[in-house]
Amino acid sequence: MIVVSQDDLTYWAKDNELRTVSIEDLIQEAKVQKLYEEEVAGLINHKTGFKLFEKINKLVLLAKEFESGKELSAKGELKRHKIEKIYKKEIKELFV
């Protein structure tokens, strides 16, 4: 799961002539999905020291940043059990 930078994605969409109705609609666009897949593939590969089994095959883009008190603790640490409950559907999609 990747939380997108709304400002950067909106700017990229304008440069690539995509309509920016909302971030939620934008992250569903095939061009946006491909952009993130290519970026992840360029960072996570054997040339950068990762093993084949560490390759990321699927990803889910999230429009909303994690919030303190919800997905994050007061110290900014991930609350994995809360994230698992909140994003249960998205996590399930990764393993279908």
PDB file of N, CA and C in Angstrom:
ATOM      1  N   MET A   1       0.844  -1.164   0.000  1.00  0.00           N
ATOM      2  CA  MET A   1       0.000   0.000   0.000  1.00  0.00           C
ATOM      3  C   MET A   1       0.895   1.235   0.000  1.00  0.00           C
ATOM      4  N   ILE A   2       0.537   2.149  -0.866  1.00  0.00           N
ATOM      5  CA  ILE A   2       1.302   3.387  -0.992  1.00  0.00           C
ATOM      6  C   ILE A   2       0.356   4.575  -0.822  1.00  0.00           C
ATOM      7  N   VAL A   3       0.691   5.453   0.086  1.00  0.00           N
ATOM      8  CA  VAL A   3      -0.060   6.701   0.234  1.00  0.00           C
ATOM      9  C   VAL A   3       0.555   7.696  -0.743  1.00  0.00           C
ATOM     10  N   VAL A   4      -0.242   8.145  -1.694  1.00  0.00           N
ATOM     11  CA  VAL A   4       0.267   9.040  -2.732  1.00  0.00           C
ATOM     12  C   VAL A   4       0.403  10.466  -2.207  1.00  0.00           C
ATOM     13  N   SER A   5       1.335  11.190  -2.781  1.00  0.00           N
ATOM     14  CA  SER A   5       1.464  12.612  -2.500  1.00  0.00           C
ATOM     15  C   SER A   5       0.449  13.323  -3.389  1.00  0.00           C
ATOM     16  N   GLN A   6      -0.580  13.899  -2.787  1.00  0.00           N
ATOM     17  CA  GLN A   6      -1.654  14.510  -3.565  1.00  0.00           C
ATOM     18  C   GLN A   6      -1.150  15.649  -4.442  1.00  0.00           C
ATOM     19  N   ASP A   7      -0.283  16.485  -3.901  1.00  0.00           N
ATOM     20  CA  ASP A   7       0.236  17.619  -4.679  1.00  0.00           C
ATOM     21  C   ASP A   7       1.050  17.138  -5.878  1.00  0.00           C
ATOM     22  N   ASP A   8       1.964  16.195  -5.632  1.00  0.00           N
ATOM     23  CA  ASP A   8       2.810  15.689  -6.718  1.00  0.00           C
ATOM     24  C   ASP A   8       1.988  14.973  -7.784  1.00  0.00           C
ATOM     25  N   LEU A   9       1.014  14.179  -7.346  1.00  0.00           N
ATOM     26  CA  LEU A   9       0.197  13.437  -8.302  1.00  0.00           C
ATOM     27  C   LEU A   9      -0.682  14.377  -9.125  1.00  0.00           C
ATOM     28  N   THR A  10      -1.226  15.389  -8.512  1.00  0.00           N
ATOM     29  CA  THR A  10      -2.046  16.366  -9.229  1.00  0.00           C
ATOM     30  C   THR A  10      -1.203  17.101 -10.276  1.00  0.00           C
ATOM     31  N   TYR A  11      -0.002  17.502  -9.888  1.00  0.00           N
ATOM     32  CA  TYR A  11       0.912  18.172 -10.813  1.00  0.00           C
ATOM     33  C   TYR A  11       1.266  17.249 -11.979  1.00  0.00           C
ATOM     34  N   TRP A  12       1.591  15.981 -11.676  1.00  0.00           N
ATOM     35  CA  TRP A  12       1.931  15.005 -12.712  1.00  0.00           C
ATOM     36  C   TRP A  12       0.747  14.802 -13.654  1.00  0.00           C
ATOM     37  N   ALA A  13      -0.451  14.714 -13.106  1.00  0.00           N
ATOM     38  CA  ALA A  13      -1.649  14.494 -13.916  1.00  0.00           C
ATOM     39  C   ALA A  13      -1.874  15.653 -14.884  1.00  0.00           C
ATOM     40  N   LYS A  14      -1.660  16.872 -14.416  1.00  0.00           N
ATOM     41  CA  LYS A  14      -1.823  18.029 -15.297  1.00  0.00           C
ATOM     42  C   LYS A  14      -0.797  17.998 -16.421  1.00  0.00           C
ATOM     43  N   ASP A  15       0.444  17.633 -16.094  1.00  0.00           N
ATOM     44  CA  ASP A  15       1.495  17.534 -17.114  1.00  0.00           C
ATOM     45  C   ASP A  15       1.203  16.441 -18.137  1.00  0.00           C
ATOM     46  N   ASN A  16       0.470  15.406 -17.715  1.00  0.00           N
ATOM     47  CA  ASN A  16       0.170  14.279 -18.591  1.00  0.00           C
ATOM     48  C   ASN A  16      -1.264  14.309 -19.113  1.00  0.00           C
ATOM     49  N   GLU A  17      -1.864  15.473 -19.022  1.00  0.00           N
ATOM     50  CA  GLU A  17      -3.191  15.733 -19.576  1.00  0.00           C
ATOM     51  C   GLU A  17      -4.263  14.772 -19.085  1.00  0.00           C
ATOM     52  N   LEU A  18      -4.223  14.457 -17.800  1.00  0.00           N
ATOM     53  CA  LEU A  18      -5.271  13.661 -17.174  1.00  0.00           C
ATOM     54  C   LEU A  18      -6.197  14.601 -16.416  1.00  0.00           C
ATOM     55  N   ARG A  19      -7.468  14.356 -16.495  1.00  0.00           N
ATOM     56  CA  ARG A  19      -8.418  15.167 -15.739  1.00  0.00           C
ATOM     57  C   ARG A  19      -8.255  14.865 -14.252  1.00  0.00           C
ATOM     58  N   THR A  20      -8.204  15.887 -13.474  1.00  0.00           N
ATOM     59  CA  THR A  20      -8.033  15.702 -12.029  1.00  0.00           C
ATOM     60  C   THR A  20      -9.327  16.072 -11.310  1.00  0.00           C
ATOM     61  N   VAL A  21     -10.290  15.173 -11.366  1.00  0.00           N
ATOM     62  CA  VAL A  21     -11.563  15.379 -10.692  1.00  0.00           C
ATOM     63  C   VAL A  21     -11.343  15.270  -9.192  1.00  0.00           C
ATOM     64  N   SER A  22     -10.784  14.166  -8.770  1.00  0.00           N
ATOM     65  CA  SER A  22     -10.445  13.967  -7.361  1.00  0.00           C
ATOM     66  C   SER A  22      -9.278  12.993  -7.286  1.00  0.00           C
ATOM     67  N   ILE A  23      -8.589  13.015  -6.166  1.00  0.00           N
ATOM     68  CA  ILE A  23      -7.454  12.095  -5.981  1.00  0.00           C
ATOM     69  C   ILE A  23      -7.950  10.651  -6.016  1.00  0.00           C
ATOM     70  N   GLU A  24      -9.115  10.394  -5.420  1.00  0.00           N
ATOM     71  CA  GLU A  24      -9.675   9.036  -5.408  1.00  0.00           C
ATOM     72  C   GLU A  24      -9.893   8.510  -6.825  1.00  0.00           C
ATOM     73  N   ASP A  25     -10.396   9.374  -7.717  1.00  0.00           N
ATOM     74  CA  ASP A  25     -10.588   8.969  -9.114  1.00  0.00           C
ATOM     75  C   ASP A  25      -9.246   8.838  -9.834  1.00  0.00           C
ATOM     76  N   LEU A  26      -8.343   9.727  -9.532  1.00  0.00           N
ATOM     77  CA  LEU A  26      -7.039   9.751 -10.196  1.00  0.00           C
ATOM     78  C   LEU A  26      -6.232   8.488  -9.913  1.00  0.00           C
ATOM     79  N   ILE A  27      -6.264   7.998  -8.665  1.00  0.00           N
ATOM     80  CA  ILE A  27      -5.462   6.802  -8.343  1.00  0.00           C
ATOM     81  C   ILE A  27      -6.018   5.533  -8.980  1.00  0.00           C
ATOM     82  N   GLN A  28      -7.245   5.612  -9.533  1.00  0.00           N
ATOM     83  CA  GLN A  28      -7.818   4.466 -10.233  1.00  0.00           C
ATOM     84  C   GLN A  28      -7.428   4.437 -11.712  1.00  0.00           C
ATOM     85  N   GLU A  29      -6.877   5.533 -12.208  1.00  0.00           N
ATOM     86  CA  GLU A  29      -6.477   5.622 -13.618  1.00  0.00           C
ATOM     87  C   GLU A  29      -5.338   4.640 -13.916  1.00  0.00           C
ATOM     88  N   ALA A  30      -5.419   4.002 -15.063  1.00  0.00           N
ATOM     89  CA  ALA A  30      -4.401   3.023 -15.471  1.00  0.00           C
ATOM     90  C   ALA A  30      -3.018   3.658 -15.596  1.00  0.00           C
ATOM     91  N   LYS A  31      -2.953   4.893 -16.131  1.00  0.00           N
ATOM     92  CA  LYS A  31      -1.654   5.571 -16.282  1.00  0.00           C
ATOM     93  C   LYS A  31      -0.999   5.834 -14.931  1.00  0.00           C
ATOM     94  N   VAL A  32      -1.808   6.157 -13.927  1.00  0.00           N
ATOM     95  CA  VAL A  32      -1.283   6.433 -12.586  1.00  0.00           C
ATOM     96  C   VAL A  32      -0.800   5.134 -11.946  1.00  0.00           C
ATOM     97  N   GLN A  33      -1.585   4.078 -12.083  1.00  0.00           N
ATOM     98  CA  GLN A  33      -1.182   2.771 -11.556  1.00  0.00           C
ATOM     99  C   GLN A  33       0.152   2.344 -12.179  1.00  0.00           C
ATOM    100  N   LYS A  34       0.262   2.520 -13.496  1.00  0.00           N
ATOM    101  CA  LYS A  34       1.486   2.137 -14.204  1.00  0.00           C
ATOM    102  C   LYS A  34       2.678   2.972 -13.731  1.00  0.00           C
ATOM    103  N   LEU A  35       2.456   4.265 -13.509  1.00  0.00           N
ATOM    104  CA  LEU A  35       3.511   5.146 -13.011  1.00  0.00           C
ATOM    105  C   LEU A  35       4.093   4.608 -11.705  1.00  0.00           C
ATOM    106  N   TYR A  36       3.234   4.282 -10.756  1.00  0.00           N
ATOM    107  CA  TYR A  36       3.701   3.791  -9.460  1.00  0.00           C
ATOM    108  C   TYR A  36       4.317   2.398  -9.567  1.00  0.00           C
ATOM    109  N   GLU A  37       3.746   1.542 -10.409  1.00  0.00           N
ATOM    110  CA  GLU A  37       4.318   0.204 -10.597  1.00  0.00           C
ATOM    111  C   GLU A  37       5.733   0.292 -11.161  1.00  0.00           C
ATOM    112  N   GLU A  38       5.933   1.176 -12.143  1.00  0.00           N
ATOM    113  CA  GLU A  38       7.260   1.341 -12.733  1.00  0.00           C
ATOM    114  C   GLU A  38       8.245   1.950 -11.728  1.00  0.00           C
ATOM    115  N   GLU A  39       7.784   2.888 -10.946  1.00  0.00           N
ATOM    116  CA  GLU A  39       8.643   3.510  -9.934  1.00  0.00           C
ATOM    117  C   GLU A  39       9.089   2.482  -8.894  1.00  0.00           C
ATOM    118  N   VAL A  40       8.155   1.666  -8.426  1.00  0.00           N
ATOM    119  CA  VAL A  40       8.483   0.624  -7.444  1.00  0.00           C
ATOM    120  C   VAL A  40       9.413  -0.410  -8.068  1.00  0.00           C
ATOM    121  N   ALA A  41       9.141  -0.816  -9.300  1.00  0.00           N
ATOM    122  CA  ALA A  41       9.991  -1.798  -9.985  1.00  0.00           C
ATOM    123  C   ALA A  41      11.411  -1.266 -10.164  1.00  0.00           C
ATOM    124  N   GLY A  42      11.550   0.025 -10.397  1.00  0.00           N
ATOM    125  CA  GLY A  42      12.872   0.627 -10.548  1.00  0.00           C
ATOM    126  C   GLY A  42      13.644   0.702  -9.240  1.00  0.00           C
ATOM    127  N   LEU A  43      12.924   0.766  -8.139  1.00  0.00           N
ATOM    128  CA  LEU A  43      13.580   0.854  -6.825  1.00  0.00           C
ATOM    129  C   LEU A  43      13.811  -0.503  -6.173  1.00  0.00           C
ATOM    130  N   ILE A  44      12.912  -1.444  -6.431  1.00  0.00           N
ATOM    131  CA  ILE A  44      12.979  -2.762  -5.799  1.00  0.00           C
ATOM    132  C   ILE A  44      13.292  -3.793  -6.885  1.00  0.00           C
ATOM    133  N   ASN A  45      14.573  -4.070  -7.103  1.00  0.00           N
ATOM    134  CA  ASN A  45      14.977  -5.062  -8.093  1.00  0.00           C
ATOM    135  C   ASN A  45      16.361  -5.612  -7.725  1.00  0.00           C
ATOM    136  N   HIS A  46      16.822  -6.583  -8.507  1.00  0.00           N
ATOM    137  CA  HIS A  46      18.112  -7.225  -8.185  1.00  0.00           C
ATOM    138  C   HIS A  46      19.281  -6.247  -8.314  1.00  0.00           C
ATOM    139  N   LYS A  47      19.157  -5.245  -9.179  1.00  0.00           N
ATOM    140  CA  LYS A  47      20.235  -4.266  -9.354  1.00  0.00           C
ATOM    141  C   LYS A  47      20.423  -3.396  -8.111  1.00  0.00           C
ATOM    142  N   THR A  48      19.353  -3.236  -7.353  1.00  0.00           N
ATOM    143  CA  THR A  48      19.428  -2.420  -6.140  1.00  0.00           C
ATOM    144  C   THR A  48      19.596  -3.277  -4.890  1.00  0.00           C
ATOM    145  N   GLY A  49      19.879  -4.569  -5.078  1.00  0.00           N
ATOM    146  CA  GLY A  49      20.213  -5.441  -3.964  1.00  0.00           C
ATOM    147  C   GLY A  49      19.079  -6.277  -3.407  1.00  0.00           C
ATOM    148  N   PHE A  50      17.924  -6.261  -4.046  1.00  0.00           N
ATOM    149  CA  PHE A  50      16.799  -7.055  -3.553  1.00  0.00           C
ATOM    150  C   PHE A  50      16.779  -8.420  -4.219  1.00  0.00           C
ATOM    151  N   LYS A  51      16.338  -9.414  -3.489  1.00  0.00           N
ATOM    152  CA  LYS A  51      16.217 -10.776  -4.002  1.00  0.00           C
ATOM    153  C   LYS A  51      14.912 -10.897  -4.799  1.00  0.00           C
ATOM    154  N   LEU A  52      14.827 -11.911  -5.645  1.00  0.00           N
ATOM    155  CA  LEU A  52      13.651 -12.135  -6.473  1.00  0.00           C
ATOM    156  C   LEU A  52      12.372 -12.263  -5.635  1.00  0.00           C
ATOM    157  N   PHE A  53      12.454 -12.952  -4.491  1.00  0.00           N
ATOM    158  CA  PHE A  53      11.264 -13.143  -3.664  1.00  0.00           C
ATOM    159  C   PHE A  53      10.826 -11.855  -2.956  1.00  0.00           C
ATOM    160  N   GLU A  54      11.658 -10.822  -2.976  1.00  0.00           N
ATOM    161  CA  GLU A  54      11.299  -9.545  -2.366  1.00  0.00           C
ATOM    162  C   GLU A  54      10.593  -8.601  -3.351  1.00  0.00           C
ATOM    163  N   LYS A  55      10.470  -9.042  -4.585  1.00  0.00           N
ATOM    164  CA  LYS A  55       9.828  -8.226  -5.625  1.00  0.00           C
ATOM    165  C   LYS A  55       8.381  -7.934  -5.243  1.00  0.00           C
ATOM    166  N   ILE A  56       7.934  -6.713  -5.502  1.00  0.00           N
ATOM    167  CA  ILE A  56       6.560  -6.308  -5.217  1.00  0.00           C
ATOM    168  C   ILE A  56       5.754  -6.488  -6.495  1.00  0.00           C
ATOM    169  N   ASN A  57       4.790  -7.405  -6.453  1.00  0.00           N
ATOM    170  CA  ASN A  57       4.001  -7.734  -7.637  1.00  0.00           C
ATOM    171  C   ASN A  57       2.737  -6.895  -7.768  1.00  0.00           C
ATOM    172  N   LYS A  58       2.119  -6.584  -6.661  1.00  0.00           N
ATOM    173  CA  LYS A  58       0.891  -5.791  -6.674  1.00  0.00           C
ATOM    174  C   LYS A  58       1.023  -4.669  -5.670  1.00  0.00           C
ATOM    175  N   LEU A  59       0.316  -3.581  -5.944  1.00  0.00           N
ATOM    176  CA  LEU A  59       0.278  -2.492  -4.984  1.00  0.00           C
ATOM    177  C   LEU A  59      -1.078  -1.829  -5.025  1.00  0.00           C
ATOM    178  N   VAL A  60      -1.421  -1.198  -3.916  1.00  0.00           N
ATOM    179  CA  VAL A  60      -2.671  -0.462  -3.792  1.00  0.00           C
ATOM    180  C   VAL A  60      -2.309   0.969  -3.449  1.00  0.00           C
ATOM    181  N   LEU A  61      -2.908   1.900  -4.178  1.00  0.00           N
ATOM    182  CA  LEU A  61      -2.661   3.314  -3.918  1.00  0.00           C
ATOM    183  C   LEU A  61      -3.745   3.851  -2.991  1.00  0.00           C
ATOM    184  N   LEU A  62      -3.320   4.590  -1.982  1.00  0.00           N
ATOM    185  CA  LEU A  62      -4.247   5.190  -1.033  1.00  0.00           C
ATOM    186  C   LEU A  62      -4.229   6.701  -1.209  1.00  0.00           C
ATOM    187  N   ALA A  63      -5.404   7.300  -1.198  1.00  0.00           N
ATOM    188  CA  ALA A  63      -5.513   8.741  -1.421  1.00  0.00           C
ATOM    189  C   ALA A  63      -5.319   9.543  -0.146  1.00  0.00           C
ATOM    190  N   LYS A  64      -5.628   8.961   0.994  1.00  0.00           N
ATOM    191  CA  LYS A  64      -5.626   9.704   2.249  1.00  0.00           C
ATOM    192  C   LYS A  64      -4.402   9.327   3.084  1.00  0.00           C
ATOM    193  N   GLU A  65      -3.732  10.354   3.596  1.00  0.00           N
ATOM    194  CA  GLU A  65      -2.568  10.117   4.446  1.00  0.00           C
ATOM    195  C   GLU A  65      -2.996   9.488   5.772  1.00  0.00           C
ATOM    196  N   PHE A  66      -2.108   8.711   6.370  1.00  0.00           N
ATOM    197  CA  PHE A  66      -2.380   8.133   7.678  1.00  0.00           C
ATOM    198  C   PHE A  66      -2.470   9.252   8.704  1.00  0.00           C
ATOM    199  N   GLU A  67      -3.405   9.124   9.638  1.00  0.00           N
ATOM    200  CA  GLU A  67      -3.635  10.158  10.639  1.00  0.00           C
ATOM    201  C   GLU A  67      -3.181   9.704  12.015  1.00  0.00           C
ATOM    202  N   SER A  68      -2.658  10.653  12.777  1.00  0.00           N
ATOM    203  CA  SER A  68      -2.284  10.389  14.158  1.00  0.00           C
ATOM    204  C   SER A  68      -3.560  10.109  14.945  1.00  0.00           C
ATOM    205  N   GLY A  69      -3.530   9.046  15.735  1.00  0.00           N
ATOM    206  CA  GLY A  69      -4.694   8.657  16.503  1.00  0.00           C
ATOM    207  C   GLY A  69      -5.559   7.639  15.789  1.00  0.00           C
ATOM    208  N   LYS A  70      -5.370   7.496  14.498  1.00  0.00           N
ATOM    209  CA  LYS A  70      -6.145   6.524  13.732  1.00  0.00           C
ATOM    210  C   LYS A  70      -5.215   5.405  13.265  1.00  0.00           C
ATOM    211  N   GLU A  71      -4.412   5.675  12.244  1.00  0.00           N
ATOM    212  CA  GLU A  71      -3.455   4.668  11.762  1.00  0.00           C
ATOM    213  C   GLU A  71      -2.083   4.828  12.406  1.00  0.00           C
ATOM    214  N   LEU A  72      -1.839   5.997  12.976  1.00  0.00           N
ATOM    215  CA  LEU A  72      -0.542   6.289  13.592  1.00  0.00           C
ATOM    216  C   LEU A  72      -0.720   6.567  15.087  1.00  0.00           C
ATOM    217  N   SER A  73       0.292   6.189  15.850  1.00  0.00           N
ATOM    218  CA  SER A  73       0.285   6.513  17.277  1.00  0.00           C
ATOM    219  C   SER A  73       0.680   7.976  17.448  1.00  0.00           C
ATOM    220  N   ALA A  74       0.633   8.458  18.671  1.00  0.00           N
ATOM    221  CA  ALA A  74       1.028   9.841  18.951  1.00  0.00           C
ATOM    222  C   ALA A  74       2.498  10.078  18.607  1.00  0.00           C
ATOM    223  N   LYS A  75       3.307   9.015  18.663  1.00  0.00           N
ATOM    224  CA  LYS A  75       4.729   9.128  18.313  1.00  0.00           C
ATOM    225  C   LYS A  75       4.965   8.994  16.810  1.00  0.00           C
ATOM    226  N   GLY A  76       3.900   8.750  16.047  1.00  0.00           N
ATOM    227  CA  GLY A  76       4.043   8.623  14.600  1.00  0.00           C
ATOM    228  C   GLY A  76       4.330   7.215  14.128  1.00  0.00           C
ATOM    229  N   GLU A  77       4.207   6.242  15.026  1.00  0.00           N
ATOM    230  CA  GLU A  77       4.449   4.849  14.646  1.00  0.00           C
ATOM    231  C   GLU A  77       3.168   4.236  14.083  1.00  0.00           C
ATOM    232  N   LEU A  78       3.339   3.292  13.150  1.00  0.00           N
ATOM    233  CA  LEU A  78       2.191   2.623  12.546  1.00  0.00           C
ATOM    234  C   LEU A  78       1.468   1.761  13.563  1.00  0.00           C
ATOM    235  N   LYS A  79       0.152   1.841  13.543  1.00  0.00           N
ATOM    236  CA  LYS A  79      -0.680   0.945  14.348  1.00  0.00           C
ATOM    237  C   LYS A  79      -1.137  -0.168  13.412  1.00  0.00           C
ATOM    238  N   ARG A  80      -0.325  -1.213  13.320  1.00  0.00           N
ATOM    239  CA  ARG A  80      -0.568  -2.267  12.329  1.00  0.00           C
ATOM    240  C   ARG A  80      -1.934  -2.917  12.479  1.00  0.00           C
ATOM    241  N   HIS A  81      -2.373  -3.174  13.703  1.00  0.00           N
ATOM    242  CA  HIS A  81      -3.672  -3.819  13.900  1.00  0.00           C
ATOM    243  C   HIS A  81      -4.819  -2.917  13.420  1.00  0.00           C
ATOM    244  N   LYS A  82      -4.701  -1.613  13.600  1.00  0.00           N
ATOM    245  CA  LYS A  82      -5.727  -0.674  13.118  1.00  0.00           C
ATOM    246  C   LYS A  82      -5.694  -0.590  11.596  1.00  0.00           C
ATOM    247  N   ILE A  83      -4.498  -0.542  11.034  1.00  0.00           N
ATOM    248  CA  ILE A  83      -4.349  -0.480   9.577  1.00  0.00           C
ATOM    249  C   ILE A  83      -4.953  -1.731   8.951  1.00  0.00           C
ATOM    250  N   GLU A  84      -4.714  -2.868   9.577  1.00  0.00           N
ATOM    251  CA  GLU A  84      -5.255  -4.130   9.074  1.00  0.00           C
ATOM    252  C   GLU A  84      -6.785  -4.109   9.070  1.00  0.00           C
ATOM    253  N   LYS A  85      -7.388  -3.535  10.090  1.00  0.00           N
ATOM    254  CA  LYS A  85      -8.856  -3.448  10.145  1.00  0.00           C
ATOM    255  C   LYS A  85      -9.392  -2.429   9.146  1.00  0.00           C
ATOM    256  N   ILE A  86      -8.798  -1.250   9.107  1.00  0.00           N
ATOM    257  CA  ILE A  86      -9.292  -0.164   8.256  1.00  0.00           C
ATOM    258  C   ILE A  86      -9.158  -0.507   6.776  1.00  0.00           C
ATOM    259  N   TYR A  87      -8.042  -1.105   6.402  1.00  0.00           N
ATOM    260  CA  TYR A  87      -7.751  -1.382   4.992  1.00  0.00           C
ATOM    261  C   TYR A  87      -7.851  -2.867   4.671  1.00  0.00           C
ATOM    262  N   LYS A  88      -8.758  -3.561   5.333  1.00  0.00           N
ATOM    263  CA  LYS A  88      -8.915  -5.011   5.143  1.00  0.00           C
ATOM    264  C   LYS A  88      -9.183  -5.367   3.679  1.00  0.00           C
ATOM    265  N   LYS A  89     -10.087  -4.632   3.037  1.00  0.00           N
ATOM    266  CA  LYS A  89     -10.436  -4.899   1.635  1.00  0.00           C
ATOM    267  C   LYS A  89      -9.228  -4.692   0.719  1.00  0.00           C
ATOM    268  N   GLU A  90      -8.498  -3.592   0.922  1.00  0.00           N
ATOM    269  CA  GLU A  90      -7.341  -3.284   0.084  1.00  0.00           C
ATOM    270  C   GLU A  90      -6.229  -4.327   0.268  1.00  0.00           C
ATOM    271  N   ILE A  91      -6.021  -4.760   1.490  1.00  0.00           N
ATOM    272  CA  ILE A  91      -4.998  -5.768   1.757  1.00  0.00           C
ATOM    273  C   ILE A  91      -5.381  -7.086   1.097  1.00  0.00           C
ATOM    274  N   LYS A  92      -6.661  -7.428   1.168  1.00  0.00           N
ATOM    275  CA  LYS A  92      -7.131  -8.674   0.545  1.00  0.00           C
ATOM    276  C   LYS A  92      -6.885  -8.650  -0.961  1.00  0.00           C
ATOM    277  N   GLU A  93      -7.081  -7.487  -1.600  1.00  0.00           N
ATOM    278  CA  GLU A  93      -6.841  -7.343  -3.046  1.00  0.00           C
ATOM    279  C   GLU A  93      -5.403  -7.673  -3.422  1.00  0.00           C
ATOM    280  N   LEU A  94      -4.467  -7.419  -2.542  1.00  0.00           N
ATOM    281  CA  LEU A  94      -3.061  -7.666  -2.833  1.00  0.00           C
ATOM    282  C   LEU A  94      -2.751  -9.157  -2.961  1.00  0.00           C
ATOM    283  N   PHE A  95      -3.578  -9.996  -2.357  1.00  0.00           N
ATOM    284  CA  PHE A  95      -3.276 -11.418  -2.325  1.00  0.00           C
ATOM    285  C   PHE A  95      -4.261 -12.257  -3.140  1.00  0.00           C
ATOM    286  N   VAL A  96      -5.025 -11.604  -4.001  1.00  0.00           N
ATOM    287  CA  VAL A  96      -5.979 -12.338  -4.871  1.00  0.00           C
ATOM    288  C   VAL A  96      -5.282 -12.723  -6.142  1.00  0.00           C
TER     289      VAL A  96
END
